[in-house]
Amino acid sequence: MTLFELDADPDAFLTAAAGLRVLSEHLEDQRARVAAAPASYRDSWTGAAATAVTSEIEALAGHVGAASPCFAAAGDAVRGFGEALAQAQDVGLPALRRRWEEADADHAAAVAAAL
């Protein structure tokens, strides 16, 4: 009987983490692009409509900019979990299994000696 299994793929978590990091970087690039948009029409378009559109564009840039670090933080968390999972599978579980087997053998020996 095999005890103490972790049936999960650390590489899948690391791949997902890298994807979240790429998404964060893409959002930051888009934030800069959106924030720069009003400069393209500022001299040729004025008035209430231009002011309203500029306000909306600036708000959008702010929202995109606020989302970027959230995806970066999520990527860091997922990467950390993937690394911890790999460590548990490679080091922690084998050590736990050895301790289990030793305790089981000690128990069997104690039972045999008591009989």
PDB file of N, CA and C in Angstrom:
ATOM      1  N   MET A   1       0.846  -1.180   0.000  1.00  0.00           N
ATOM      2  CA  MET A   1       0.000   0.000   0.000  1.00  0.00           C
ATOM      3  C   MET A   1       0.891   1.242   0.000  1.00  0.00           C
ATOM      4  N   THR A   2       0.659   2.112  -0.955  1.00  0.00           N
ATOM      5  CA  THR A   2       1.432   3.351  -1.032  1.00  0.00           C
ATOM      6  C   THR A   2       0.660   4.455  -0.313  1.00  0.00           C
ATOM      7  N   LEU A   3       1.301   5.048   0.635  1.00  0.00           N
ATOM      8  CA  LEU A   3       0.683   6.129   1.393  1.00  0.00           C
ATOM      9  C   LEU A   3       1.281   7.462   0.983  1.00  0.00           C
ATOM     10  N   PHE A   4       0.558   8.497   1.306  1.00  0.00           N
ATOM     11  CA  PHE A   4       1.070   9.847   1.139  1.00  0.00           C
ATOM     12  C   PHE A   4       1.395  10.181  -0.312  1.00  0.00           C
ATOM     13  N   GLU A   5       0.377  10.249  -1.131  1.00  0.00           N
ATOM     14  CA  GLU A   5       0.544  10.622  -2.535  1.00  0.00           C
ATOM     15  C   GLU A   5       0.100  12.069  -2.741  1.00  0.00           C
ATOM     16  N   LEU A   6       0.766  12.750  -3.596  1.00  0.00           N
ATOM     17  CA  LEU A   6       0.348  14.067  -4.076  1.00  0.00           C
ATOM     18  C   LEU A   6       0.236  13.958  -5.589  1.00  0.00           C
ATOM     19  N   ASP A   7      -0.965  13.719  -6.055  1.00  0.00           N
ATOM     20  CA  ASP A   7      -1.195  13.502  -7.481  1.00  0.00           C
ATOM     21  C   ASP A   7      -1.461  14.844  -8.161  1.00  0.00           C
ATOM     22  N   ALA A   8      -0.404  15.581  -8.387  1.00  0.00           N
ATOM     23  CA  ALA A   8      -0.492  16.881  -9.050  1.00  0.00           C
ATOM     24  C   ALA A   8       0.811  17.107  -9.807  1.00  0.00           C
ATOM     25  N   ASP A   9       0.732  17.913 -10.836  1.00  0.00           N
ATOM     26  CA  ASP A   9       1.885  18.162 -11.697  1.00  0.00           C
ATOM     27  C   ASP A   9       2.475  19.540 -11.403  1.00  0.00           C
ATOM     28  N   PRO A  10       3.618  19.602 -10.721  1.00  0.00           N
ATOM     29  CA  PRO A  10       4.224  20.901 -10.426  1.00  0.00           C
ATOM     30  C   PRO A  10       4.512  21.715 -11.681  1.00  0.00           C
ATOM     31  N   ASP A  11       4.896  21.047 -12.767  1.00  0.00           N
ATOM     32  CA  ASP A  11       5.203  21.776 -13.999  1.00  0.00           C
ATOM     33  C   ASP A  11       3.982  22.500 -14.546  1.00  0.00           C
ATOM     34  N   ALA A  12       2.803  21.932 -14.349  1.00  0.00           N
ATOM     35  CA  ALA A  12       1.584  22.606 -14.803  1.00  0.00           C
ATOM     36  C   ALA A  12       1.385  23.912 -14.038  1.00  0.00           C
ATOM     37  N   PHE A  13       1.686  23.895 -12.747  1.00  0.00           N
ATOM     38  CA  PHE A  13       1.573  25.123 -11.958  1.00  0.00           C
ATOM     39  C   PHE A  13       2.622  26.142 -12.386  1.00  0.00           C
ATOM     40  N   LEU A  14       3.831  25.671 -12.670  1.00  0.00           N
ATOM     41  CA  LEU A  14       4.888  26.590 -13.101  1.00  0.00           C
ATOM     42  C   LEU A  14       4.559  27.193 -14.462  1.00  0.00           C
ATOM     43  N   THR A  15       3.958  26.399 -15.343  1.00  0.00           N
ATOM     44  CA  THR A  15       3.538  26.913 -16.651  1.00  0.00           C
ATOM     45  C   THR A  15       2.439  27.953 -16.483  1.00  0.00           C
ATOM     46  N   ALA A  16       1.473  27.663 -15.622  1.00  0.00           N
ATOM     47  CA  ALA A  16       0.395  28.624 -15.366  1.00  0.00           C
ATOM     48  C   ALA A  16       0.950  29.915 -14.775  1.00  0.00           C
ATOM     49  N   ALA A  17       1.915  29.785 -13.876  1.00  0.00           N
ATOM     50  CA  ALA A  17       2.528  30.966 -13.264  1.00  0.00           C
ATOM     51  C   ALA A  17       3.214  31.828 -14.313  1.00  0.00           C
ATOM     52  N   ALA A  18       3.912  31.195 -15.233  1.00  0.00           N
ATOM     53  CA  ALA A  18       4.579  31.948 -16.303  1.00  0.00           C
ATOM     54  C   ALA A  18       3.545  32.656 -17.169  1.00  0.00           C
ATOM     55  N   GLY A  19       2.425  32.002 -17.428  1.00  0.00           N
ATOM     56  CA  GLY A  19       1.358  32.626 -18.209  1.00  0.00           C
ATOM     57  C   GLY A  19       0.774  33.836 -17.504  1.00  0.00           C
ATOM     58  N   LEU A  20       0.610  33.750 -16.196  1.00  0.00           N
ATOM     59  CA  LEU A  20       0.105  34.893 -15.438  1.00  0.00           C
ATOM     60  C   LEU A  20       1.099  36.048 -15.471  1.00  0.00           C
ATOM     61  N   ARG A  21       2.378  35.742 -15.419  1.00  0.00           N
ATOM     62  CA  ARG A  21       3.405  36.789 -15.493  1.00  0.00           C
ATOM     63  C   ARG A  21       3.361  37.474 -16.859  1.00  0.00           C
ATOM     64  N   VAL A  22       3.227  36.687 -17.925  1.00  0.00           N
ATOM     65  CA  VAL A  22       3.130  37.249 -19.280  1.00  0.00           C
ATOM     66  C   VAL A  22       1.892  38.135 -19.384  1.00  0.00           C
ATOM     67  N   LEU A  23       0.782  37.677 -18.822  1.00  0.00           N
ATOM     68  CA  LEU A  23      -0.444  38.476 -18.852  1.00  0.00           C
ATOM     69  C   LEU A  23      -0.250  39.790 -18.107  1.00  0.00           C
ATOM     70  N   SER A  24       0.423  39.744 -16.972  1.00  0.00           N
ATOM     71  CA  SER A  24       0.701  40.961 -16.213  1.00  0.00           C
ATOM     72  C   SER A  24       1.523  41.947 -17.041  1.00  0.00           C
ATOM     73  N   GLU A  25       2.552  41.434 -17.700  1.00  0.00           N
ATOM     74  CA  GLU A  25       3.400  42.300 -18.532  1.00  0.00           C
ATOM     75  C   GLU A  25       2.613  42.862 -19.711  1.00  0.00           C
ATOM     76  N   HIS A  26       1.754  42.038 -20.309  1.00  0.00           N
ATOM     77  CA  HIS A  26       0.928  42.495 -21.433  1.00  0.00           C
ATOM     78  C   HIS A  26      -0.024  43.605 -20.973  1.00  0.00           C
ATOM     79  N   LEU A  27      -0.637  43.426 -19.817  1.00  0.00           N
ATOM     80  CA  LEU A  27      -1.536  44.460 -19.303  1.00  0.00           C
ATOM     81  C   LEU A  27      -0.783  45.759 -19.047  1.00  0.00           C
ATOM     82  N   GLU A  28       0.425  45.661 -18.530  1.00  0.00           N
ATOM     83  CA  GLU A  28       1.205  46.878 -18.289  1.00  0.00           C
ATOM     84  C   GLU A  28       1.545  47.574 -19.605  1.00  0.00           C
ATOM     85  N   ASP A  29       1.893  46.795 -20.625  1.00  0.00           N
ATOM     86  CA  ASP A  29       2.149  47.379 -21.946  1.00  0.00           C
ATOM     87  C   ASP A  29       0.898  48.069 -22.483  1.00  0.00           C
ATOM     88  N   GLN A  30      -0.247  47.411 -22.324  1.00  0.00           N
ATOM     89  CA  GLN A  30      -1.501  47.987 -22.813  1.00  0.00           C
ATOM     90  C   GLN A  30      -1.887  49.227 -22.015  1.00  0.00           C
ATOM     91  N   ARG A  31      -1.603  49.231 -20.712  1.00  0.00           N
ATOM     92  CA  ARG A  31      -1.879  50.411 -19.900  1.00  0.00           C
ATOM     93  C   ARG A  31      -1.131  51.617 -20.447  1.00  0.00           C
ATOM     94  N   ALA A  32       0.133  51.428 -20.761  1.00  0.00           N
ATOM     95  CA  ALA A  32       0.934  52.524 -21.302  1.00  0.00           C
ATOM     96  C   ALA A  32       0.383  52.977 -22.652  1.00  0.00           C
ATOM     97  N   ARG A  33      -0.034  52.022 -23.457  1.00  0.00           N
ATOM     98  CA  ARG A  33      -0.575  52.349 -24.779  1.00  0.00           C
ATOM     99  C   ARG A  33      -1.894  53.119 -24.659  1.00  0.00           C
ATOM    100  N   VAL A  34      -2.768  52.650 -23.773  1.00  0.00           N
ATOM    101  CA  VAL A  34      -4.051  53.329 -23.569  1.00  0.00           C
ATOM    102  C   VAL A  34      -3.817  54.719 -22.991  1.00  0.00           C
ATOM    103  N   ALA A  35      -2.929  54.830 -22.014  1.00  0.00           N
ATOM    104  CA  ALA A  35      -2.660  56.124 -21.385  1.00  0.00           C
ATOM    105  C   ALA A  35      -2.101  57.134 -22.380  1.00  0.00           C
ATOM    106  N   ALA A  36      -1.396  56.657 -23.389  1.00  0.00           N
ATOM    107  CA  ALA A  36      -0.806  57.560 -24.383  1.00  0.00           C
ATOM    108  C   ALA A  36      -1.806  57.992 -25.452  1.00  0.00           C
ATOM    109  N   ALA A  37      -2.944  57.326 -25.536  1.00  0.00           N
ATOM    110  CA  ALA A  37      -3.900  57.612 -26.615  1.00  0.00           C
ATOM    111  C   ALA A  37      -4.365  59.065 -26.664  1.00  0.00           C
ATOM    112  N   PRO A  38      -4.700  59.707 -25.558  1.00  0.00           N
ATOM    113  CA  PRO A  38      -5.174  61.091 -25.651  1.00  0.00           C
ATOM    114  C   PRO A  38      -4.175  62.049 -26.305  1.00  0.00           C
ATOM    115  N   ALA A  39      -2.899  61.755 -26.203  1.00  0.00           N
ATOM    116  CA  ALA A  39      -1.900  62.632 -26.830  1.00  0.00           C
ATOM    117  C   ALA A  39      -2.064  62.660 -28.339  1.00  0.00           C
ATOM    118  N   SER A  40      -2.629  61.591 -28.912  1.00  0.00           N
ATOM    119  CA  SER A  40      -2.766  61.532 -30.368  1.00  0.00           C
ATOM    120  C   SER A  40      -3.852  62.463 -30.900  1.00  0.00           C
ATOM    121  N   TYR A  41      -4.788  62.884 -30.054  1.00  0.00           N
ATOM    122  CA  TYR A  41      -5.868  63.743 -30.542  1.00  0.00           C
ATOM    123  C   TYR A  41      -5.993  65.052 -29.757  1.00  0.00           C
ATOM    124  N   ARG A  42      -5.171  65.238 -28.755  1.00  0.00           N
ATOM    125  CA  ARG A  42      -5.320  66.391 -27.861  1.00  0.00           C
ATOM    126  C   ARG A  42      -5.310  67.727 -28.611  1.00  0.00           C
ATOM    127  N   ASP A  43      -4.469  67.881 -29.628  1.00  0.00           N
ATOM    128  CA  ASP A  43      -4.380  69.156 -30.346  1.00  0.00           C
ATOM    129  C   ASP A  43      -5.491  69.336 -31.370  1.00  0.00           C
ATOM    130  N   SER A  44      -6.071  68.239 -31.840  1.00  0.00           N
ATOM    131  CA  SER A  44      -7.067  68.351 -32.905  1.00  0.00           C
ATOM    132  C   SER A  44      -8.503  68.175 -32.429  1.00  0.00           C
ATOM    133  N   TRP A  45      -8.693  67.708 -31.218  1.00  0.00           N
ATOM    134  CA  TRP A  45     -10.057  67.474 -30.741  1.00  0.00           C
ATOM    135  C   TRP A  45     -10.184  68.065 -29.345  1.00  0.00           C
ATOM    136  N   THR A  46     -11.089  69.006 -29.209  1.00  0.00           N
ATOM    137  CA  THR A  46     -11.311  69.663 -27.925  1.00  0.00           C
ATOM    138  C   THR A  46     -12.808  69.716 -27.655  1.00  0.00           C
ATOM    139  N   GLY A  47     -13.146  70.152 -26.487  1.00  0.00           N
ATOM    140  CA  GLY A  47     -14.551  70.291 -26.133  1.00  0.00           C
ATOM    141  C   GLY A  47     -14.989  69.241 -25.131  1.00  0.00           C
ATOM    142  N   ALA A  48     -16.297  69.268 -24.864  1.00  0.00           N
ATOM    143  CA  ALA A  48     -16.864  68.391 -23.836  1.00  0.00           C
ATOM    144  C   ALA A  48     -16.694  66.912 -24.184  1.00  0.00           C
ATOM    145  N   ALA A  49     -16.924  66.566 -25.436  1.00  0.00           N
ATOM    146  CA  ALA A  49     -16.797  65.158 -25.834  1.00  0.00           C
ATOM    147  C   ALA A  49     -15.351  64.686 -25.679  1.00  0.00           C
ATOM    148  N   ALA A  50     -14.415  65.502 -26.103  1.00  0.00           N
ATOM    149  CA  ALA A  50     -13.004  65.134 -25.974  1.00  0.00           C
ATOM    150  C   ALA A  50     -12.617  64.983 -24.505  1.00  0.00           C
ATOM    151  N   THR A  51     -13.113  65.883 -23.685  1.00  0.00           N
ATOM    152  CA  THR A  51     -12.831  65.805 -22.251  1.00  0.00           C
ATOM    153  C   THR A  51     -13.417  64.529 -21.653  1.00  0.00           C
ATOM    154  N   ALA A  52     -14.649  64.186 -22.044  1.00  0.00           N
ATOM    155  CA  ALA A  52     -15.296  62.977 -21.530  1.00  0.00           C
ATOM    156  C   ALA A  52     -14.549  61.721 -21.973  1.00  0.00           C
ATOM    157  N   VAL A  53     -14.176  61.677 -23.254  1.00  0.00           N
ATOM    158  CA  VAL A  53     -13.448  60.513 -23.763  1.00  0.00           C
ATOM    159  C   VAL A  53     -12.093  60.397 -23.077  1.00  0.00           C
ATOM    160  N   THR A  54     -11.414  61.507 -22.927  1.00  0.00           N
ATOM    161  CA  THR A  54     -10.112  61.497 -22.262  1.00  0.00           C
ATOM    162  C   THR A  54     -10.243  60.987 -20.830  1.00  0.00           C
ATOM    163  N   SER A  55     -11.283  61.421 -20.146  1.00  0.00           N
ATOM    164  CA  SER A  55     -11.518  60.963 -18.780  1.00  0.00           C
ATOM    165  C   SER A  55     -11.735  59.452 -18.733  1.00  0.00           C
ATOM    166  N   GLU A  56     -12.519  58.938 -19.680  1.00  0.00           N
ATOM    167  CA  GLU A  56     -12.769  57.494 -19.732  1.00  0.00           C
ATOM    168  C   GLU A  56     -11.491  56.715 -20.069  1.00  0.00           C
ATOM    169  N   ILE A  57     -10.711  57.239 -20.986  1.00  0.00           N
ATOM    170  CA  ILE A  57      -9.455  56.576 -21.356  1.00  0.00           C
ATOM    171  C   ILE A  57      -8.500  56.551 -20.168  1.00  0.00           C
ATOM    172  N   GLU A  58      -8.417  57.659 -19.453  1.00  0.00           N
ATOM    173  CA  GLU A  58      -7.545  57.702 -18.280  1.00  0.00           C
ATOM    174  C   GLU A  58      -8.017  56.724 -17.209  1.00  0.00           C
ATOM    175  N   ALA A  59      -9.339  56.619 -17.033  1.00  0.00           N
ATOM    176  CA  ALA A  59      -9.877  55.656 -16.065  1.00  0.00           C
ATOM    177  C   ALA A  59      -9.560  54.228 -16.500  1.00  0.00           C
ATOM    178  N   LEU A  60      -9.728  53.954 -17.799  1.00  0.00           N
ATOM    179  CA  LEU A  60      -9.414  52.620 -18.312  1.00  0.00           C
ATOM    180  C   LEU A  60      -7.940  52.289 -18.085  1.00  0.00           C
ATOM    181  N   ALA A  61      -7.076  53.239 -18.374  1.00  0.00           N
ATOM    182  CA  ALA A  61      -5.642  53.012 -18.151  1.00  0.00           C
ATOM    183  C   ALA A  61      -5.369  52.718 -16.677  1.00  0.00           C
ATOM    184  N   GLY A  62      -6.069  53.411 -15.797  1.00  0.00           N
ATOM    185  CA  GLY A  62      -5.905  53.161 -14.364  1.00  0.00           C
ATOM    186  C   GLY A  62      -6.355  51.766 -13.966  1.00  0.00           C
ATOM    187  N   HIS A  63      -7.486  51.331 -14.520  1.00  0.00           N
ATOM    188  CA  HIS A  63      -7.990  49.987 -14.200  1.00  0.00           C
ATOM    189  C   HIS A  63      -7.054  48.905 -14.735  1.00  0.00           C
ATOM    190  N   VAL A  64      -6.592  49.087 -15.957  1.00  0.00           N
ATOM    191  CA  VAL A  64      -5.668  48.106 -16.540  1.00  0.00           C
ATOM    192  C   VAL A  64      -4.371  48.085 -15.734  1.00  0.00           C
ATOM    193  N   GLY A  65      -3.903  49.269 -15.361  1.00  0.00           N
ATOM    194  CA  GLY A  65      -2.689  49.347 -14.548  1.00  0.00           C
ATOM    195  C   GLY A  65      -2.860  48.708 -13.181  1.00  0.00           C
ATOM    196  N   ALA A  66      -4.049  48.830 -12.600  1.00  0.00           N
ATOM    197  CA  ALA A  66      -4.307  48.212 -11.298  1.00  0.00           C
ATOM    198  C   ALA A  66      -4.389  46.693 -11.405  1.00  0.00           C
ATOM    199  N   ALA A  67      -4.841  46.184 -12.542  1.00  0.00           N
ATOM    200  CA  ALA A  67      -4.969  44.735 -12.723  1.00  0.00           C
ATOM    201  C   ALA A  67      -3.612  44.067 -12.918  1.00  0.00           C
ATOM    202  N   SER A  68      -2.698  44.755 -13.557  1.00  0.00           N
ATOM    203  CA  SER A  68      -1.404  44.155 -13.884  1.00  0.00           C
ATOM    204  C   SER A  68      -0.684  43.567 -12.675  1.00  0.00           C
ATOM    205  N   PRO A  69      -0.509  44.307 -11.577  1.00  0.00           N
ATOM    206  CA  PRO A  69       0.193  43.716 -10.438  1.00  0.00           C
ATOM    207  C   PRO A  69      -0.580  42.574  -9.775  1.00  0.00           C
ATOM    208  N   CYS A  70      -1.903  42.570  -9.936  1.00  0.00           N
ATOM    209  CA  CYS A  70      -2.689  41.457  -9.376  1.00  0.00           C
ATOM    210  C   CYS A  70      -2.333  40.155 -10.079  1.00  0.00           C
ATOM    211  N   PHE A  71      -2.191  40.210 -11.394  1.00  0.00           N
ATOM    212  CA  PHE A  71      -1.812  39.011 -12.136  1.00  0.00           C
ATOM    213  C   PHE A  71      -0.370  38.610 -11.824  1.00  0.00           C
ATOM    214  N   ALA A  72       0.491  39.598 -11.617  1.00  0.00           N
ATOM    215  CA  ALA A  72       1.878  39.289 -11.237  1.00  0.00           C
ATOM    216  C   ALA A  72       1.907  38.597  -9.877  1.00  0.00           C
ATOM    217  N   ALA A  73       1.132  39.114  -8.926  1.00  0.00           N
ATOM    218  CA  ALA A  73       1.089  38.504  -7.595  1.00  0.00           C
ATOM    219  C   ALA A  73       0.500  37.096  -7.657  1.00  0.00           C
ATOM    220  N   ALA A  74      -0.537  36.921  -8.458  1.00  0.00           N
ATOM    221  CA  ALA A  74      -1.122  35.584  -8.615  1.00  0.00           C
ATOM    222  C   ALA A  74      -0.093  34.629  -9.216  1.00  0.00           C
ATOM    223  N   GLY A  75       0.652  35.112 -10.205  1.00  0.00           N
ATOM    224  CA  GLY A  75       1.697  34.284 -10.806  1.00  0.00           C
ATOM    225  C   GLY A  75       2.760  33.890  -9.799  1.00  0.00           C
ATOM    226  N   ASP A  76       3.140  34.839  -8.944  1.00  0.00           N
ATOM    227  CA  ASP A  76       4.133  34.531  -7.908  1.00  0.00           C
ATOM    228  C   ASP A  76       3.601  33.471  -6.941  1.00  0.00           C
ATOM    229  N   ALA A  77       2.321  33.598  -6.570  1.00  0.00           N
ATOM    230  CA  ALA A  77       1.723  32.632  -5.646  1.00  0.00           C
ATOM    231  C   ALA A  77       1.635  31.244  -6.276  1.00  0.00           C
ATOM    232  N   VAL A  78       1.215  31.188  -7.528  1.00  0.00           N
ATOM    233  CA  VAL A  78       1.098  29.897  -8.210  1.00  0.00           C
ATOM    234  C   VAL A  78       2.481  29.273  -8.401  1.00  0.00           C
ATOM    235  N   ARG A  79       3.470  30.102  -8.748  1.00  0.00           N
ATOM    236  CA  ARG A  79       4.838  29.589  -8.882  1.00  0.00           C
ATOM    237  C   ARG A  79       5.339  29.043  -7.542  1.00  0.00           C
ATOM    238  N   GLY A  80       5.099  29.782  -6.478  1.00  0.00           N
ATOM    239  CA  GLY A  80       5.509  29.317  -5.151  1.00  0.00           C
ATOM    240  C   GLY A  80       4.861  27.995  -4.781  1.00  0.00           C
ATOM    241  N   PHE A  81       3.578  27.847  -5.123  1.00  0.00           N
ATOM    242  CA  PHE A  81       2.903  26.585  -4.848  1.00  0.00           C
ATOM    243  C   PHE A  81       3.509  25.463  -5.677  1.00  0.00           C
ATOM    244  N   GLY A  82       3.767  25.725  -6.958  1.00  0.00           N
ATOM    245  CA  GLY A  82       4.372  24.705  -7.818  1.00  0.00           C
ATOM    246  C   GLY A  82       5.730  24.268  -7.311  1.00  0.00           C
ATOM    247  N   GLU A  83       6.530  25.225  -6.846  1.00  0.00           N
ATOM    248  CA  GLU A  83       7.849  24.895  -6.302  1.00  0.00           C
ATOM    249  C   GLU A  83       7.723  24.095  -5.006  1.00  0.00           C
ATOM    250  N   ALA A  84       6.777  24.491  -4.144  1.00  0.00           N
ATOM    251  CA  ALA A  84       6.569  23.758  -2.893  1.00  0.00           C
ATOM    252  C   ALA A  84       6.056  22.349  -3.168  1.00  0.00           C
ATOM    253  N   LEU A  85       5.191  22.217  -4.155  1.00  0.00           N
ATOM    254  CA  LEU A  85       4.677  20.902  -4.531  1.00  0.00           C
ATOM    255  C   LEU A  85       5.809  20.009  -5.033  1.00  0.00           C
ATOM    256  N   ALA A  86       6.659  20.557  -5.883  1.00  0.00           N
ATOM    257  CA  ALA A  86       7.799  19.779  -6.390  1.00  0.00           C
ATOM    258  C   ALA A  86       8.711  19.352  -5.242  1.00  0.00           C
ATOM    259  N   GLN A  87       8.969  20.260  -4.321  1.00  0.00           N
ATOM    260  CA  GLN A  87       9.807  19.946  -3.156  1.00  0.00           C
ATOM    261  C   GLN A  87       9.163  18.840  -2.323  1.00  0.00           C
ATOM    262  N   ALA A  88       7.863  18.935  -2.121  1.00  0.00           N
ATOM    263  CA  ALA A  88       7.161  17.911  -1.339  1.00  0.00           C
ATOM    264  C   ALA A  88       7.223  16.555  -2.033  1.00  0.00           C
ATOM    265  N   GLN A  89       7.036  16.546  -3.344  1.00  0.00           N
ATOM    266  CA  GLN A  89       7.067  15.281  -4.082  1.00  0.00           C
ATOM    267  C   GLN A  89       8.473  14.692  -4.142  1.00  0.00           C
ATOM    268  N   ASP A  90       9.471  15.542  -4.293  1.00  0.00           N
ATOM    269  CA  ASP A  90      10.845  15.061  -4.471  1.00  0.00           C
ATOM    270  C   ASP A  90      11.553  14.734  -3.159  1.00  0.00           C
ATOM    271  N   VAL A  91      11.247  15.471  -2.107  1.00  0.00           N
ATOM    272  CA  VAL A  91      11.983  15.334  -0.851  1.00  0.00           C
ATOM    273  C   VAL A  91      11.067  14.937   0.310  1.00  0.00           C
ATOM    274  N   GLY A  92      10.015  15.693   0.500  1.00  0.00           N
ATOM    275  CA  GLY A  92       9.156  15.491   1.667  1.00  0.00           C
ATOM    276  C   GLY A  92       8.456  14.149   1.703  1.00  0.00           C
ATOM    277  N   LEU A  93       7.798  13.785   0.610  1.00  0.00           N
ATOM    278  CA  LEU A  93       7.069  12.517   0.596  1.00  0.00           C
ATOM    279  C   LEU A  93       7.975  11.298   0.713  1.00  0.00           C
ATOM    280  N   PRO A  94       9.096  11.240   0.001  1.00  0.00           N
ATOM    281  CA  PRO A  94       9.982  10.085   0.200  1.00  0.00           C
ATOM    282  C   PRO A  94      10.453   9.951   1.656  1.00  0.00           C
ATOM    283  N   ALA A  95      10.757  11.073   2.281  1.00  0.00           N
ATOM    284  CA  ALA A  95      11.186  11.024   3.686  1.00  0.00           C
ATOM    285  C   ALA A  95      10.040  10.554   4.575  1.00  0.00           C
ATOM    286  N   LEU A  96       8.844  11.028   4.306  1.00  0.00           N
ATOM    287  CA  LEU A  96       7.682  10.614   5.083  1.00  0.00           C
ATOM    288  C   LEU A  96       7.398   9.126   4.895  1.00  0.00           C
ATOM    289  N   ARG A  97       7.534   8.653   3.668  1.00  0.00           N
ATOM    290  CA  ARG A  97       7.331   7.221   3.399  1.00  0.00           C
ATOM    291  C   ARG A  97       8.368   6.367   4.140  1.00  0.00           C
ATOM    292  N   ARG A  98       9.635   6.815   4.132  1.00  0.00           N
ATOM    293  CA  ARG A  98      10.682   6.073   4.848  1.00  0.00           C
ATOM    294  C   ARG A  98      10.361   5.998   6.341  1.00  0.00           C
ATOM    295  N   ARG A  99       9.941   7.125   6.900  1.00  0.00           N
ATOM    296  CA  ARG A  99       9.595   7.131   8.321  1.00  0.00           C
ATOM    297  C   ARG A  99       8.415   6.204   8.596  1.00  0.00           C
ATOM    298  N   TRP A 100       7.435   6.205   7.687  1.00  0.00           N
ATOM    299  CA  TRP A 100       6.284   5.316   7.835  1.00  0.00           C
ATOM    300  C   TRP A 100       6.735   3.854   7.806  1.00  0.00           C
ATOM    301  N   GLU A 101       7.569   3.515   6.834  1.00  0.00           N
ATOM    302  CA  GLU A 101       8.040   2.133   6.702  1.00  0.00           C
ATOM    303  C   GLU A 101       8.857   1.705   7.921  1.00  0.00           C
ATOM    304  N   GLU A 102       9.689   2.606   8.437  1.00  0.00           N
ATOM    305  CA  GLU A 102      10.469   2.300   9.637  1.00  0.00           C
ATOM    306  C   GLU A 102       9.553   2.084  10.840  1.00  0.00           C
ATOM    307  N   ALA A 103       8.562   2.955  10.986  1.00  0.00           N
ATOM    308  CA  ALA A 103       7.625   2.811  12.106  1.00  0.00           C
ATOM    309  C   ALA A 103       6.814   1.530  11.970  1.00  0.00           C
ATOM    310  N   ASP A 104       6.409   1.214  10.750  1.00  0.00           N
ATOM    311  CA  ASP A 104       5.649  -0.015  10.505  1.00  0.00           C
ATOM    312  C   ASP A 104       6.505  -1.243  10.829  1.00  0.00           C
ATOM    313  N   ALA A 105       7.768  -1.221  10.421  1.00  0.00           N
ATOM    314  CA  ALA A 105       8.678  -2.339  10.713  1.00  0.00           C
ATOM    315  C   ALA A 105       8.923  -2.452  12.217  1.00  0.00           C
ATOM    316  N   ASP A 106       9.115  -1.312  12.886  1.00  0.00           N
ATOM    317  CA  ASP A 106       9.304  -1.329  14.342  1.00  0.00           C
ATOM    318  C   ASP A 106       8.071  -1.903  15.037  1.00  0.00           C
ATOM    319  N   HIS A 107       6.905  -1.509  14.565  1.00  0.00           N
ATOM    320  CA  HIS A 107       5.662  -2.021  15.139  1.00  0.00           C
ATOM    321  C   HIS A 107       5.556  -3.534  14.935  1.00  0.00           C
ATOM    322  N   ALA A 108       5.831  -3.989  13.719  1.00  0.00           N
ATOM    323  CA  ALA A 108       5.764  -5.429  13.430  1.00  0.00           C
ATOM    324  C   ALA A 108       6.751  -6.201  14.304  1.00  0.00           C
ATOM    325  N   ALA A 109       7.944  -5.650  14.489  1.00  0.00           N
ATOM    326  CA  ALA A 109       8.949  -6.310  15.336  1.00  0.00           C
ATOM    327  C   ALA A 109       8.488  -6.348  16.791  1.00  0.00           C
ATOM    328  N   ALA A 110       7.880  -5.265  17.260  1.00  0.00           N
ATOM    329  CA  ALA A 110       7.397  -5.223  18.640  1.00  0.00           C
ATOM    330  C   ALA A 110       6.259  -6.217  18.848  1.00  0.00           C
ATOM    331  N   VAL A 111       5.370  -6.321  17.879  1.00  0.00           N
ATOM    332  CA  VAL A 111       4.269  -7.286  17.970  1.00  0.00           C
ATOM    333  C   VAL A 111       4.823  -8.703  17.978  1.00  0.00           C
ATOM    334  N   ALA A 112       5.780  -8.987  17.095  1.00  0.00           N
ATOM    335  CA  ALA A 112       6.379 -10.330  17.031  1.00  0.00           C
ATOM    336  C   ALA A 112       7.097 -10.671  18.335  1.00  0.00           C
ATOM    337  N   ALA A 113       7.778  -9.695  18.905  1.00  0.00           N
ATOM    338  CA  ALA A 113       8.502  -9.932  20.155  1.00  0.00           C
ATOM    339  C   ALA A 113       7.543 -10.158  21.320  1.00  0.00           C
ATOM    340  N   ALA A 114       6.383  -9.541  21.258  1.00  0.00           N
ATOM    341  CA  ALA A 114       5.408  -9.680  22.339  1.00  0.00           C
ATOM    342  C   ALA A 114       4.686 -11.013  22.290  1.00  0.00           C
ATOM    343  N   LEU A 115       4.705 -11.675  21.164  1.00  0.00           N
ATOM    344  CA  LEU A 115       3.999 -12.957  21.031  1.00  0.00           C
ATOM    345  C   LEU A 115       4.828 -14.049  21.515  1.00  0.00           C
TER     346      LEU A 115
END
